[in-house]
Amino acid sequence: MASASVDQVFVVVEGAGWVSGADGTRVSVSARTATDWAAGEEHESGSDAGLTAIVVEAERLVPHGRNG
């Protein structure tokens, strides 16, 4: 598991896999799925078949739908 050094948005653009937070519960993700982690939040991602993702990192990201 990794800890985000700054806020992160993880956007799957192709393929499928999973993401998890500090509790380790895996959530399925596929193309056009996005998730976000706050700075300091432990997280992990993976795939058995492969996926392509874009990760955006910045101080103070506020993903659509989340107040902040």
N, C-alpha and C. Protein backbone atom coordinates (compact mmCIF):
# COMPACT_ATOMS: atom_id res chain seq x y z
N MET A 1 0.83 -1.17 0.00
CA MET A 1 0.00 0.00 0.00
C MET A 1 0.89 1.24 0.00
N ALA A 2 0.44 2.27 -0.70
CA ALA A 2 1.18 3.54 -0.78
C ALA A 2 0.39 4.63 -0.06
N SER A 3 1.07 5.67 0.31
CA SER A 3 0.44 6.83 0.92
C SER A 3 0.59 8.00 -0.04
N ALA A 4 -0.52 8.65 -0.37
CA ALA A 4 -0.49 9.79 -1.29
C ALA A 4 0.27 10.95 -0.66
N SER A 5 1.25 11.48 -1.37
CA SER A 5 2.00 12.62 -0.84
C SER A 5 1.23 13.92 -1.02
N VAL A 6 0.39 13.98 -2.04
CA VAL A 6 -0.52 15.10 -2.29
C VAL A 6 -1.84 14.49 -2.77
N ASP A 7 -2.88 15.30 -2.93
CA ASP A 7 -4.15 14.80 -3.45
C ASP A 7 -3.94 14.15 -4.81
N GLN A 8 -4.68 13.07 -5.08
CA GLN A 8 -4.55 12.34 -6.34
C GLN A 8 -5.91 12.00 -6.92
N VAL A 9 -6.02 12.07 -8.23
CA VAL A 9 -7.18 11.57 -8.96
C VAL A 9 -6.67 10.50 -9.91
N PHE A 10 -7.30 9.33 -9.89
CA PHE A 10 -6.90 8.16 -10.67
C PHE A 10 -8.03 7.88 -11.65
N VAL A 11 -7.78 8.05 -12.95
CA VAL A 11 -8.80 7.89 -13.98
C VAL A 11 -8.43 6.73 -14.88
N VAL A 12 -9.27 5.70 -14.93
CA VAL A 12 -9.04 4.55 -15.80
C VAL A 12 -9.53 4.90 -17.20
N VAL A 13 -8.65 4.79 -18.18
CA VAL A 13 -9.02 5.12 -19.56
C VAL A 13 -9.18 3.88 -20.43
N GLU A 14 -8.63 2.74 -19.99
CA GLU A 14 -8.76 1.50 -20.75
C GLU A 14 -8.54 0.32 -19.82
N GLY A 15 -9.28 -0.77 -20.03
CA GLY A 15 -9.10 -1.96 -19.23
C GLY A 15 -9.92 -1.93 -17.96
N ALA A 16 -9.57 -2.81 -17.03
CA ALA A 16 -10.32 -2.92 -15.78
C ALA A 16 -9.39 -3.40 -14.68
N GLY A 17 -9.77 -3.13 -13.45
CA GLY A 17 -8.98 -3.55 -12.31
C GLY A 17 -9.70 -3.20 -11.03
N TRP A 18 -8.95 -2.80 -10.01
CA TRP A 18 -9.52 -2.46 -8.71
C TRP A 18 -8.70 -1.38 -8.03
N VAL A 19 -9.33 -0.72 -7.08
CA VAL A 19 -8.67 0.25 -6.20
C VAL A 19 -9.11 -0.04 -4.78
N SER A 20 -8.30 0.37 -3.82
CA SER A 20 -8.69 0.22 -2.42
C SER A 20 -8.12 1.38 -1.62
N GLY A 21 -8.75 1.62 -0.50
CA GLY A 21 -8.28 2.64 0.43
C GLY A 21 -7.60 1.98 1.61
N ALA A 22 -7.50 2.69 2.71
CA ALA A 22 -6.78 2.21 3.88
C ALA A 22 -7.37 0.93 4.46
N ASP A 23 -8.68 0.71 4.29
CA ASP A 23 -9.30 -0.49 4.85
C ASP A 23 -9.04 -1.75 4.01
N GLY A 24 -8.45 -1.57 2.81
CA GLY A 24 -8.10 -2.69 1.97
C GLY A 24 -9.23 -3.28 1.15
N THR A 25 -10.44 -2.74 1.27
CA THR A 25 -11.58 -3.23 0.51
C THR A 25 -11.41 -2.88 -0.96
N ARG A 26 -11.38 -3.88 -1.83
CA ARG A 26 -11.21 -3.64 -3.26
C ARG A 26 -12.53 -3.25 -3.92
N VAL A 27 -12.45 -2.20 -4.74
CA VAL A 27 -13.60 -1.72 -5.50
C VAL A 27 -13.25 -1.84 -6.97
N SER A 28 -14.11 -2.46 -7.75
CA SER A 28 -13.86 -2.63 -9.19
C SER A 28 -13.88 -1.30 -9.91
N VAL A 29 -12.97 -1.13 -10.86
CA VAL A 29 -12.92 0.05 -11.71
C VAL A 29 -12.73 -0.40 -13.15
N SER A 30 -13.21 0.41 -14.08
CA SER A 30 -13.04 0.13 -15.50
C SER A 30 -12.97 1.46 -16.23
N ALA A 31 -12.84 1.40 -17.55
CA ALA A 31 -12.71 2.61 -18.36
C ALA A 31 -13.80 3.62 -17.99
N ARG A 32 -13.41 4.88 -17.92
CA ARG A 32 -14.27 6.02 -17.58
C ARG A 32 -14.64 6.05 -16.10
N THR A 33 -13.88 5.33 -15.26
CA THR A 33 -14.08 5.37 -13.82
C THR A 33 -12.95 6.18 -13.20
N ALA A 34 -13.31 7.01 -12.23
CA ALA A 34 -12.30 7.82 -11.53
C ALA A 34 -12.48 7.66 -10.03
N THR A 35 -11.40 7.74 -9.32
CA THR A 35 -11.44 7.75 -7.86
C THR A 35 -10.42 8.77 -7.37
N ASP A 36 -10.55 9.19 -6.13
CA ASP A 36 -9.58 10.18 -5.62
C ASP A 36 -9.13 9.79 -4.24
N TRP A 37 -7.91 10.18 -3.93
CA TRP A 37 -7.33 9.97 -2.62
C TRP A 37 -6.78 11.30 -2.12
N ALA A 38 -7.03 11.58 -0.86
CA ALA A 38 -6.52 12.80 -0.24
C ALA A 38 -5.06 12.60 0.17
N ALA A 39 -4.35 13.69 0.28
CA ALA A 39 -2.95 13.63 0.74
C ALA A 39 -2.88 12.85 2.05
N GLY A 40 -1.94 11.92 2.13
CA GLY A 40 -1.76 11.11 3.32
C GLY A 40 -2.60 9.85 3.37
N GLU A 41 -3.57 9.72 2.46
CA GLU A 41 -4.44 8.55 2.46
C GLU A 41 -3.74 7.33 1.87
N GLU A 42 -3.78 6.22 2.57
CA GLU A 42 -3.20 4.98 2.05
C GLU A 42 -4.13 4.42 0.98
N HIS A 43 -3.52 3.87 -0.07
CA HIS A 43 -4.32 3.34 -1.18
C HIS A 43 -3.51 2.34 -1.99
N GLU A 44 -4.22 1.64 -2.85
CA GLU A 44 -3.58 0.65 -3.71
C GLU A 44 -4.45 0.47 -4.95
N SER A 45 -3.84 0.08 -6.05
CA SER A 45 -4.59 -0.24 -7.26
C SER A 45 -3.92 -1.42 -7.94
N GLY A 46 -4.70 -2.14 -8.74
CA GLY A 46 -4.13 -3.28 -9.44
C GLY A 46 -5.08 -3.80 -10.50
N SER A 47 -4.59 -4.78 -11.25
CA SER A 47 -5.38 -5.38 -12.33
C SER A 47 -4.80 -6.74 -12.67
N ASP A 48 -5.67 -7.70 -12.94
CA ASP A 48 -5.22 -9.01 -13.40
C ASP A 48 -5.02 -9.02 -14.91
N ALA A 49 -5.86 -8.27 -15.63
CA ALA A 49 -5.82 -8.27 -17.10
C ALA A 49 -5.13 -7.04 -17.68
N GLY A 50 -4.88 -6.03 -16.87
CA GLY A 50 -4.24 -4.81 -17.33
C GLY A 50 -5.20 -3.64 -17.43
N LEU A 51 -4.68 -2.47 -17.14
CA LEU A 51 -5.45 -1.24 -17.30
C LEU A 51 -4.50 -0.10 -17.59
N THR A 52 -5.03 0.93 -18.21
CA THR A 52 -4.29 2.17 -18.45
C THR A 52 -5.00 3.27 -17.68
N ALA A 53 -4.25 4.02 -16.90
CA ALA A 53 -4.85 5.07 -16.09
C ALA A 53 -4.02 6.35 -16.18
N ILE A 54 -4.69 7.45 -15.95
CA ILE A 54 -4.04 8.75 -15.83
C ILE A 54 -4.14 9.15 -14.36
N VAL A 55 -3.03 9.55 -13.77
CA VAL A 55 -3.03 9.99 -12.38
C VAL A 55 -2.66 11.46 -12.36
N VAL A 56 -3.53 12.26 -11.74
CA VAL A 56 -3.28 13.69 -11.58
C VAL A 56 -2.97 13.92 -10.10
N GLU A 57 -1.84 14.57 -9.83
CA GLU A 57 -1.44 14.87 -8.46
C GLU A 57 -1.24 16.37 -8.31
N ALA A 58 -1.76 16.90 -7.24
CA ALA A 58 -1.58 18.33 -6.97
C ALA A 58 -1.97 18.62 -5.54
N GLU A 59 -1.46 19.68 -5.01
CA GLU A 59 -1.92 20.13 -3.71
C GLU A 59 -3.29 20.74 -3.87
N ARG A 60 -4.20 20.29 -3.07
CA ARG A 60 -5.57 20.82 -3.01
C ARG A 60 -6.39 20.56 -4.27
N LEU A 61 -6.51 19.32 -4.70
CA LEU A 61 -7.45 18.95 -5.76
C LEU A 61 -8.84 18.81 -5.15
N VAL A 62 -9.85 19.28 -5.85
CA VAL A 62 -11.24 19.13 -5.40
C VAL A 62 -12.02 18.49 -6.54
N PRO A 63 -12.12 17.16 -6.56
CA PRO A 63 -12.86 16.48 -7.62
C PRO A 63 -14.33 16.91 -7.64
N HIS A 64 -14.94 16.91 -8.81
CA HIS A 64 -16.34 17.27 -8.99
C HIS A 64 -17.21 16.45 -8.04
N GLY A 65 -18.10 17.09 -7.34
CA GLY A 65 -19.00 16.40 -6.44
C GLY A 65 -18.50 16.30 -5.02
N ARG A 66 -17.28 16.75 -4.75
CA ARG A 66 -16.76 16.73 -3.38
C ARG A 66 -16.50 18.16 -2.95
N ASN A 67 -17.07 18.55 -1.85
CA ASN A 67 -16.85 19.90 -1.32
C ASN A 67 -15.47 19.96 -0.68
N GLY A 68 -14.85 21.10 -0.72
CA GLY A 68 -13.55 21.16 -0.09
C GLY A 68 -12.96 22.49 -0.19
